[in-house]
Structures are given as structure tokens and as C-alpha cells.
Amino acid sequence: MIVAKLAGARARMRAKEGCEGRKAFGYYPGEQAILGRMRELRAAGMAYQEIATELNGDGIKPRSGGLWHAGVIHRILAVGAGAAKR
């Protein structure tokens, strides 16, 4: 019974939003500006850790509300960037 309910809920979510999982960074309002800033800094030759330090210094928070880390910046720019262009 639980499996059927979960499958139905997932199907409704896919039909409604096209995706049932976590949205890529850049999907929500305000994130496009941060994503653009990350891309600019990376194009200027900054390392991922330097970008994280820059964003933390400017008081820009990630979704979690904590601090930016180099690995998170790397994943957003390398993996999630294609999905975030929607």
C-alpha cells in the first residue's frame, strides 16, 4: 500500500513539475545572479576555493544557509549548470 502511494505521488510530481528531485542551482529566483557571478569569477581565472571565499566574504549564502565550499562551487558549475539554464 505504501509503495503504491509513493509511486502515485512521484508520478503526480513529475507531471506537475517535470522533476521529482532537488532542483538545480539557478532554478529559484535570485540564484541566477549568483550563478552568473560564479561563472564570471571562474572565467577570470579564479580557483573554486577563491570563488567560495569571495562569495562568503560578500555575505552571499547557499541554499543551506551555511558557507560556500570549493566542492559545492565545482558541482554547481560543472554538473548543475546545464540543468540550471532552463
PDB file of N, CA and C in Angstrom:
ATOM      1  N   MET A   1       0.834  -1.197   0.000  1.00  0.00           N
ATOM      2  CA  MET A   1       0.000   0.000   0.000  1.00  0.00           C
ATOM      3  C   MET A   1       0.879   1.261   0.000  1.00  0.00           C
ATOM      4  N   ILE A   2       1.914   1.293   0.832  1.00  0.00           N
ATOM      5  CA  ILE A   2       2.788   2.458   0.913  1.00  0.00           C
ATOM      6  C   ILE A   2       3.528   2.652  -0.409  1.00  0.00           C
ATOM      7  N   VAL A   3       3.979   1.568  -1.007  1.00  0.00           N
ATOM      8  CA  VAL A   3       4.700   1.644  -2.276  1.00  0.00           C
ATOM      9  C   VAL A   3       3.806   2.250  -3.350  1.00  0.00           C
ATOM     10  N   ALA A   4       2.564   1.868  -3.395  1.00  0.00           N
ATOM     11  CA  ALA A   4       1.622   2.396  -4.376  1.00  0.00           C
ATOM     12  C   ALA A   4       1.381   3.889  -4.156  1.00  0.00           C
ATOM     13  N   LYS A   5       1.250   4.301  -2.905  1.00  0.00           N
ATOM     14  CA  LYS A   5       1.046   5.722  -2.594  1.00  0.00           C
ATOM     15  C   LYS A   5       2.255   6.557  -3.007  1.00  0.00           C
ATOM     16  N   LEU A   6       3.450   6.057  -2.710  1.00  0.00           N
ATOM     17  CA  LEU A   6       4.666   6.789  -3.078  1.00  0.00           C
ATOM     18  C   LEU A   6       4.828   6.872  -4.590  1.00  0.00           C
ATOM     19  N   ALA A   7       4.537   5.789  -5.288  1.00  0.00           N
ATOM     20  CA  ALA A   7       4.637   5.791  -6.746  1.00  0.00           C
ATOM     21  C   ALA A   7       3.655   6.785  -7.354  1.00  0.00           C
ATOM     22  N   GLY A   8       2.459   6.840  -6.815  1.00  0.00           N
ATOM     23  CA  GLY A   8       1.454   7.796  -7.288  1.00  0.00           C
ATOM     24  C   GLY A   8       1.879   9.239  -7.032  1.00  0.00           C
ATOM     25  N   ALA A   9       2.444   9.484  -5.854  1.00  0.00           N
ATOM     26  CA  ALA A   9       2.904  10.835  -5.517  1.00  0.00           C
ATOM     27  C   ALA A   9       4.047  11.260  -6.431  1.00  0.00           C
ATOM     28  N   ARG A  10       4.971  10.346  -6.727  1.00  0.00           N
ATOM     29  CA  ARG A  10       6.082  10.657  -7.637  1.00  0.00           C
ATOM     30  C   ARG A  10       5.569  10.958  -9.045  1.00  0.00           C
ATOM     31  N   ALA A  11       4.606  10.198  -9.493  1.00  0.00           N
ATOM     32  CA  ALA A  11       4.045  10.411 -10.829  1.00  0.00           C
ATOM     33  C   ALA A  11       3.355  11.768 -10.914  1.00  0.00           C
ATOM     34  N   ARG A  12       2.628  12.145  -9.861  1.00  0.00           N
ATOM     35  CA  ARG A  12       1.973  13.457  -9.842  1.00  0.00           C
ATOM     36  C   ARG A  12       3.000  14.584  -9.845  1.00  0.00           C
ATOM     37  N   MET A  13       4.080  14.411  -9.101  1.00  0.00           N
ATOM     38  CA  MET A  13       5.138  15.412  -9.035  1.00  0.00           C
ATOM     39  C   MET A  13       5.819  15.571 -10.400  1.00  0.00           C
ATOM     40  N   ARG A  14       6.108  14.465 -11.059  1.00  0.00           N
ATOM     41  CA  ARG A  14       6.726  14.528 -12.393  1.00  0.00           C
ATOM     42  C   ARG A  14       5.807  15.225 -13.377  1.00  0.00           C
ATOM     43  N   ALA A  15       4.505  14.930 -13.322  1.00  0.00           N
ATOM     44  CA  ALA A  15       3.549  15.552 -14.235  1.00  0.00           C
ATOM     45  C   ALA A  15       3.425  17.045 -13.966  1.00  0.00           C
ATOM     46  N   LYS A  16       3.496  17.433 -12.705  1.00  0.00           N
ATOM     47  CA  LYS A  16       3.324  18.837 -12.325  1.00  0.00           C
ATOM     48  C   LYS A  16       4.570  19.670 -12.600  1.00  0.00           C
ATOM     49  N   GLU A  17       5.753  19.184 -12.201  1.00  0.00           N
ATOM     50  CA  GLU A  17       6.966  19.984 -12.268  1.00  0.00           C
ATOM     51  C   GLU A  17       8.021  19.434 -13.216  1.00  0.00           C
ATOM     52  N   GLY A  18       7.811  18.263 -13.760  1.00  0.00           N
ATOM     53  CA  GLY A  18       8.774  17.684 -14.679  1.00  0.00           C
ATOM     54  C   GLY A  18       9.930  16.979 -13.995  1.00  0.00           C
ATOM     55  N   CYS A  19      10.050  17.133 -12.700  1.00  0.00           N
ATOM     56  CA  CYS A  19      11.158  16.527 -11.970  1.00  0.00           C
ATOM     57  C   CYS A  19      10.710  16.332 -10.532  1.00  0.00           C
ATOM     58  N   GLU A  20      11.052  15.205  -9.962  1.00  0.00           N
ATOM     59  CA  GLU A  20      10.625  14.966  -8.584  1.00  0.00           C
ATOM     60  C   GLU A  20      11.720  15.249  -7.569  1.00  0.00           C
ATOM     61  N   GLY A  21      12.937  15.447  -8.029  1.00  0.00           N
ATOM     62  CA  GLY A  21      14.057  15.626  -7.116  1.00  0.00           C
ATOM     63  C   GLY A  21      14.371  17.089  -6.846  1.00  0.00           C
ATOM     64  N   ARG A  22      15.533  17.279  -6.278  1.00  0.00           N
ATOM     65  CA  ARG A  22      16.003  18.618  -5.945  1.00  0.00           C
ATOM     66  C   ARG A  22      16.298  19.392  -7.225  1.00  0.00           C
ATOM     67  N   LYS A  23      15.918  20.643  -7.248  1.00  0.00           N
ATOM     68  CA  LYS A  23      16.120  21.487  -8.417  1.00  0.00           C
ATOM     69  C   LYS A  23      17.576  21.936  -8.496  1.00  0.00           C
ATOM     70  N   ALA A  24      18.074  22.073  -9.702  1.00  0.00           N
ATOM     71  CA  ALA A  24      19.451  22.512  -9.924  1.00  0.00           C
ATOM     72  C   ALA A  24      19.617  23.956  -9.446  1.00  0.00           C
ATOM     73  N   PHE A  25      20.835  24.284  -9.030  1.00  0.00           N
ATOM     74  CA  PHE A  25      21.101  25.642  -8.585  1.00  0.00           C
ATOM     75  C   PHE A  25      20.901  26.586  -9.762  1.00  0.00           C
ATOM     76  N   GLY A  26      20.143  27.634  -9.543  1.00  0.00           N
ATOM     77  CA  GLY A  26      19.798  28.576 -10.591  1.00  0.00           C
ATOM     78  C   GLY A  26      18.318  28.520 -10.924  1.00  0.00           C
ATOM     79  N   TYR A  27      17.624  27.538 -10.377  1.00  0.00           N
ATOM     80  CA  TYR A  27      16.200  27.347 -10.648  1.00  0.00           C
ATOM     81  C   TYR A  27      15.350  28.393  -9.913  1.00  0.00           C
ATOM     82  N   TYR A  28      15.699  28.680  -8.688  1.00  0.00           N
ATOM     83  CA  TYR A  28      14.896  29.577  -7.860  1.00  0.00           C
ATOM     84  C   TYR A  28      15.288  31.032  -8.077  1.00  0.00           C
ATOM     85  N   PRO A  29      14.350  31.956  -7.817  1.00  0.00           N
ATOM     86  CA  PRO A  29      14.639  33.383  -8.006  1.00  0.00           C
ATOM     87  C   PRO A  29      15.856  33.831  -7.192  1.00  0.00           C
ATOM     88  N   GLY A  30      16.696  34.633  -7.805  1.00  0.00           N
ATOM     89  CA  GLY A  30      17.876  35.157  -7.137  1.00  0.00           C
ATOM     90  C   GLY A  30      19.112  34.306  -7.352  1.00  0.00           C
ATOM     91  N   GLU A  31      18.933  33.041  -7.679  1.00  0.00           N
ATOM     92  CA  GLU A  31      20.073  32.160  -7.861  1.00  0.00           C
ATOM     93  C   GLU A  31      20.766  32.374  -9.200  1.00  0.00           C
ATOM     94  N   GLN A  32      20.049  32.871 -10.191  1.00  0.00           N
ATOM     95  CA  GLN A  32      20.663  33.124 -11.497  1.00  0.00           C
ATOM     96  C   GLN A  32      21.757  34.176 -11.390  1.00  0.00           C
ATOM     97  N   ALA A  33      21.531  35.195 -10.568  1.00  0.00           N
ATOM     98  CA  ALA A  33      22.547  36.239 -10.386  1.00  0.00           C
ATOM     99  C   ALA A  33      23.801  35.665  -9.730  1.00  0.00           C
ATOM    100  N   ILE A  34      23.624  34.814  -8.736  1.00  0.00           N
ATOM    101  CA  ILE A  34      24.763  34.185  -8.057  1.00  0.00           C
ATOM    102  C   ILE A  34      25.492  33.260  -9.019  1.00  0.00           C
ATOM    103  N   LEU A  35      24.741  32.506  -9.801  1.00  0.00           N
ATOM    104  CA  LEU A  35      25.335  31.599 -10.784  1.00  0.00           C
ATOM    105  C   LEU A  35      26.142  32.386 -11.816  1.00  0.00           C
ATOM    106  N   GLY A  36      25.609  33.498 -12.267  1.00  0.00           N
ATOM    107  CA  GLY A  36      26.330  34.352 -13.207  1.00  0.00           C
ATOM    108  C   GLY A  36      27.619  34.887 -12.613  1.00  0.00           C
ATOM    109  N   ARG A  37      27.555  35.267 -11.356  1.00  0.00           N
ATOM    110  CA  ARG A  37      28.758  35.773 -10.670  1.00  0.00           C
ATOM    111  C   ARG A  37      29.813  34.678 -10.566  1.00  0.00           C
ATOM    112  N   MET A  38      29.389  33.442 -10.241  1.00  0.00           N
ATOM    113  CA  MET A  38      30.325  32.322 -10.166  1.00  0.00           C
ATOM    114  C   MET A  38      31.006  32.113 -11.512  1.00  0.00           C
ATOM    115  N   ARG A  39      30.213  32.144 -12.581  1.00  0.00           N
ATOM    116  CA  ARG A  39      30.773  31.943 -13.922  1.00  0.00           C
ATOM    117  C   ARG A  39      31.762  33.047 -14.287  1.00  0.00           C
ATOM    118  N   GLU A  40      31.428  34.289 -13.946  1.00  0.00           N
ATOM    119  CA  GLU A  40      32.333  35.413 -14.225  1.00  0.00           C
ATOM    120  C   GLU A  40      33.663  35.244 -13.489  1.00  0.00           C
ATOM    121  N   LEU A  41      33.581  34.905 -12.220  1.00  0.00           N
ATOM    122  CA  LEU A  41      34.802  34.736 -11.421  1.00  0.00           C
ATOM    123  C   LEU A  41      35.642  33.576 -11.950  1.00  0.00           C
ATOM    124  N   ARG A  42      34.985  32.499 -12.353  1.00  0.00           N
ATOM    125  CA  ARG A  42      35.717  31.346 -12.889  1.00  0.00           C
ATOM    126  C   ARG A  42      36.368  31.709 -14.225  1.00  0.00           C
ATOM    127  N   ALA A  43      35.657  32.465 -15.063  1.00  0.00           N
ATOM    128  CA  ALA A  43      36.209  32.886 -16.354  1.00  0.00           C
ATOM    129  C   ALA A  43      37.397  33.826 -16.167  1.00  0.00           C
ATOM    130  N   ALA A  44      37.409  34.548 -15.048  1.00  0.00           N
ATOM    131  CA  ALA A  44      38.516  35.455 -14.744  1.00  0.00           C
ATOM    132  C   ALA A  44      39.735  34.695 -14.220  1.00  0.00           C
ATOM    133  N   GLY A  45      39.614  33.375 -14.082  1.00  0.00           N
ATOM    134  CA  GLY A  45      40.747  32.555 -13.675  1.00  0.00           C
ATOM    135  C   GLY A  45      40.808  32.212 -12.201  1.00  0.00           C
ATOM    136  N   MET A  46      39.754  32.504 -11.457  1.00  0.00           N
ATOM    137  CA  MET A  46      39.758  32.187 -10.029  1.00  0.00           C
ATOM    138  C   MET A  46      39.529  30.699  -9.809  1.00  0.00           C
ATOM    139  N   ALA A  47      40.196  30.154  -8.798  1.00  0.00           N
ATOM    140  CA  ALA A  47      40.000  28.762  -8.398  1.00  0.00           C
ATOM    141  C   ALA A  47      38.674  28.651  -7.638  1.00  0.00           C
ATOM    142  N   TYR A  48      38.172  27.431  -7.510  1.00  0.00           N
ATOM    143  CA  TYR A  48      36.888  27.217  -6.826  1.00  0.00           C
ATOM    144  C   TYR A  48      36.937  27.704  -5.381  1.00  0.00           C
ATOM    145  N   GLN A  49      38.042  27.472  -4.691  1.00  0.00           N
ATOM    146  CA  GLN A  49      38.162  27.928  -3.307  1.00  0.00           C
ATOM    147  C   GLN A  49      38.152  29.448  -3.239  1.00  0.00           C
ATOM    148  N   GLU A  50      38.774  30.101  -4.190  1.00  0.00           N
ATOM    149  CA  GLU A  50      38.780  31.573  -4.217  1.00  0.00           C
ATOM    150  C   GLU A  50      37.375  32.115  -4.462  1.00  0.00           C
ATOM    151  N   ILE A  51      36.612  31.445  -5.320  1.00  0.00           N
ATOM    152  CA  ILE A  51      35.228  31.852  -5.573  1.00  0.00           C
ATOM    153  C   ILE A  51      34.406  31.690  -4.299  1.00  0.00           C
ATOM    154  N   ALA A  52      34.583  30.565  -3.602  1.00  0.00           N
ATOM    155  CA  ALA A  52      33.863  30.328  -2.350  1.00  0.00           C
ATOM    156  C   ALA A  52      34.200  31.407  -1.328  1.00  0.00           C
ATOM    157  N   THR A  53      35.474  31.749  -1.217  1.00  0.00           N
ATOM    158  CA  THR A  53      35.905  32.783  -0.272  1.00  0.00           C
ATOM    159  C   THR A  53      35.296  34.135  -0.639  1.00  0.00           C
ATOM    160  N   GLU A  54      35.261  34.438  -1.920  1.00  0.00           N
ATOM    161  CA  GLU A  54      34.678  35.702  -2.403  1.00  0.00           C
ATOM    162  C   GLU A  54      33.187  35.789  -2.055  1.00  0.00           C
ATOM    163  N   LEU A  55      32.438  34.719  -2.344  1.00  0.00           N
ATOM    164  CA  LEU A  55      31.000  34.714  -2.054  1.00  0.00           C
ATOM    165  C   LEU A  55      30.735  34.800  -0.547  1.00  0.00           C
ATOM    166  N   ASN A  56      31.516  34.056   0.240  1.00  0.00           N
ATOM    167  CA  ASN A  56      31.363  34.112   1.697  1.00  0.00           C
ATOM    168  C   ASN A  56      31.688  35.504   2.217  1.00  0.00           C
ATOM    169  N   GLY A  57      32.720  36.134   1.660  1.00  0.00           N
ATOM    170  CA  GLY A  57      33.113  37.479   2.081  1.00  0.00           C
ATOM    171  C   GLY A  57      32.056  38.521   1.774  1.00  0.00           C
ATOM    172  N   ASP A  58      31.314  38.291   0.682  1.00  0.00           N
ATOM    173  CA  ASP A  58      30.247  39.226   0.301  1.00  0.00           C
ATOM    174  C   ASP A  58      28.936  38.947   1.023  1.00  0.00           C
ATOM    175  N   GLY A  59      28.920  37.911   1.853  1.00  0.00           N
ATOM    176  CA  GLY A  59      27.715  37.592   2.626  1.00  0.00           C
ATOM    177  C   GLY A  59      26.650  36.859   1.832  1.00  0.00           C
ATOM    178  N   ILE A  60      27.017  36.296   0.684  1.00  0.00           N
ATOM    179  CA  ILE A  60      26.073  35.542  -0.132  1.00  0.00           C
ATOM    180  C   ILE A  60      26.011  34.116   0.409  1.00  0.00           C
ATOM    181  N   LYS A  61      24.814  33.659   0.722  1.00  0.00           N
ATOM    182  CA  LYS A  61      24.628  32.351   1.344  1.00  0.00           C
ATOM    183  C   LYS A  61      24.136  31.320   0.328  1.00  0.00           C
ATOM    184  N   PRO A  62      24.572  30.069   0.463  1.00  0.00           N
ATOM    185  CA  PRO A  62      24.000  28.993  -0.363  1.00  0.00           C
ATOM    186  C   PRO A  62      22.617  28.610   0.173  1.00  0.00           C
ATOM    187  N   ARG A  63      21.951  27.705  -0.492  1.00  0.00           N
ATOM    188  CA  ARG A  63      20.609  27.282  -0.050  1.00  0.00           C
ATOM    189  C   ARG A  63      20.600  26.779   1.384  1.00  0.00           C
ATOM    190  N   SER A  64      21.669  26.123   1.793  1.00  0.00           N
ATOM    191  CA  SER A  64      21.724  25.554   3.140  1.00  0.00           C
ATOM    192  C   SER A  64      21.816  26.617   4.220  1.00  0.00           C
ATOM    193  N   GLY A  65      22.205  27.831   3.837  1.00  0.00           N
ATOM    194  CA  GLY A  65      22.342  28.908   4.807  1.00  0.00           C
ATOM    195  C   GLY A  65      23.709  28.957   5.458  1.00  0.00           C
ATOM    196  N   GLY A  66      24.576  28.002   5.139  1.00  0.00           N
ATOM    197  CA  GLY A  66      25.918  27.947   5.724  1.00  0.00           C
ATOM    198  C   GLY A  66      26.917  28.742   4.908  1.00  0.00           C
ATOM    199  N   LEU A  67      28.078  28.128   4.679  1.00  0.00           N
ATOM    200  CA  LEU A  67      29.137  28.762   3.911  1.00  0.00           C
ATOM    201  C   LEU A  67      29.334  28.026   2.594  1.00  0.00           C
ATOM    202  N   TRP A  68      29.857  28.735   1.621  1.00  0.00           N
ATOM    203  CA  TRP A  68      30.227  28.121   0.350  1.00  0.00           C
ATOM    204  C   TRP A  68      31.523  27.340   0.524  1.00  0.00           C
ATOM    205  N   HIS A  69      31.647  26.228  -0.197  1.00  0.00           N
ATOM    206  CA  HIS A  69      32.856  25.420  -0.211  1.00  0.00           C
ATOM    207  C   HIS A  69      33.240  25.164  -1.655  1.00  0.00           C
ATOM    208  N   ALA A  70      34.524  24.920  -1.888  1.00  0.00           N
ATOM    209  CA  ALA A  70      35.040  24.726  -3.245  1.00  0.00           C
ATOM    210  C   ALA A  70      34.319  23.591  -3.969  1.00  0.00           C
ATOM    211  N   GLY A  71      34.055  22.490  -3.284  1.00  0.00           N
ATOM    212  CA  GLY A  71      33.383  21.349  -3.904  1.00  0.00           C
ATOM    213  C   GLY A  71      31.983  21.675  -4.379  1.00  0.00           C
ATOM    214  N   VAL A  72      31.279  22.484  -3.611  1.00  0.00           N
ATOM    215  CA  VAL A  72      29.922  22.883  -3.982  1.00  0.00           C
ATOM    216  C   VAL A  72      29.968  23.759  -5.240  1.00  0.00           C
ATOM    217  N   ILE A  73      30.886  24.700  -5.262  1.00  0.00           N
ATOM    218  CA  ILE A  73      31.041  25.578  -6.428  1.00  0.00           C
ATOM    219  C   ILE A  73      31.357  24.730  -7.662  1.00  0.00           C
ATOM    220  N   HIS A  74      32.265  23.781  -7.508  1.00  0.00           N
ATOM    221  CA  HIS A  74      32.642  22.918  -8.624  1.00  0.00           C
ATOM    222  C   HIS A  74      31.446  22.142  -9.156  1.00  0.00           C
ATOM    223  N   ARG A  75      30.669  21.534  -8.264  1.00  0.00           N
ATOM    224  CA  ARG A  75      29.494  20.757  -8.688  1.00  0.00           C
ATOM    225  C   ARG A  75      28.467  21.635  -9.388  1.00  0.00           C
ATOM    226  N   ILE A  76      28.234  22.826  -8.858  1.00  0.00           N
ATOM    227  CA  ILE A  76      27.253  23.725  -9.465  1.00  0.00           C
ATOM    228  C   ILE A  76      27.683  24.111 -10.871  1.00  0.00           C
ATOM    229  N   LEU A  77      28.939  24.475 -11.030  1.00  0.00           N
ATOM    230  CA  LEU A  77      29.423  24.937 -12.333  1.00  0.00           C
ATOM    231  C   LEU A  77      29.621  23.782 -13.325  1.00  0.00           C
ATOM    232  N   ALA A  78      30.083  22.649 -12.853  1.00  0.00           N
ATOM    233  CA  ALA A  78      30.392  21.547 -13.762  1.00  0.00           C
ATOM    234  C   ALA A  78      29.191  20.666 -14.074  1.00  0.00           C
ATOM    235  N   VAL A  79      28.403  20.342 -13.074  1.00  0.00           N
ATOM    236  CA  VAL A  79      27.322  19.381 -13.253  1.00  0.00           C
ATOM    237  C   VAL A  79      25.977  20.066 -13.413  1.00  0.00           C
ATOM    238  N   GLY A  80      25.640  20.972 -12.504  1.00  0.00           N
ATOM    239  CA  GLY A  80      24.311  21.562 -12.486  1.00  0.00           C
ATOM    240  C   GLY A  80      24.089  22.698 -13.450  1.00  0.00           C
ATOM    241  N   ALA A  81      25.137  23.196 -14.092  1.00  0.00           N
ATOM    242  CA  ALA A  81      24.997  24.374 -14.948  1.00  0.00           C
ATOM    243  C   ALA A  81      24.108  24.113 -16.147  1.00  0.00           C
ATOM    244  N   GLY A  82      24.170  22.918 -16.718  1.00  0.00           N
ATOM    245  CA  GLY A  82      23.343  22.604 -17.865  1.00  0.00           C
ATOM    246  C   GLY A  82      21.867  22.594 -17.523  1.00  0.00           C
ATOM    247  N   ALA A  83      21.522  22.057 -16.369  1.00  0.00           N
ATOM    248  CA  ALA A  83      20.123  21.993 -15.956  1.00  0.00           C
ATOM    249  C   ALA A  83      19.607  23.337 -15.495  1.00  0.00           C
ATOM    250  N   ALA A  84      20.500  24.215 -15.047  1.00  0.00           N
ATOM    251  CA  ALA A  84      20.068  25.497 -14.500  1.00  0.00           C
ATOM    252  C   ALA A  84      19.729  26.521 -15.564  1.00  0.00           C
ATOM    253  N   LYS A  85      19.981  26.242 -16.822  1.00  0.00           N
ATOM    254  CA  LYS A  85      19.742  27.214 -17.885  1.00  0.00           C
ATOM    255  C   LYS A  85      18.292  27.251 -18.338  1.00  0.00           C
ATOM    256  N   ARG A  86      17.422  26.505 -17.691  1.00  0.00           N
ATOM    257  CA  ARG A  86      16.011  26.433 -18.105  1.00  0.00           C
ATOM    258  C   ARG A  86      15.329  27.758 -18.059  1.00  0.00           C
TER     259      ARG A  86
END
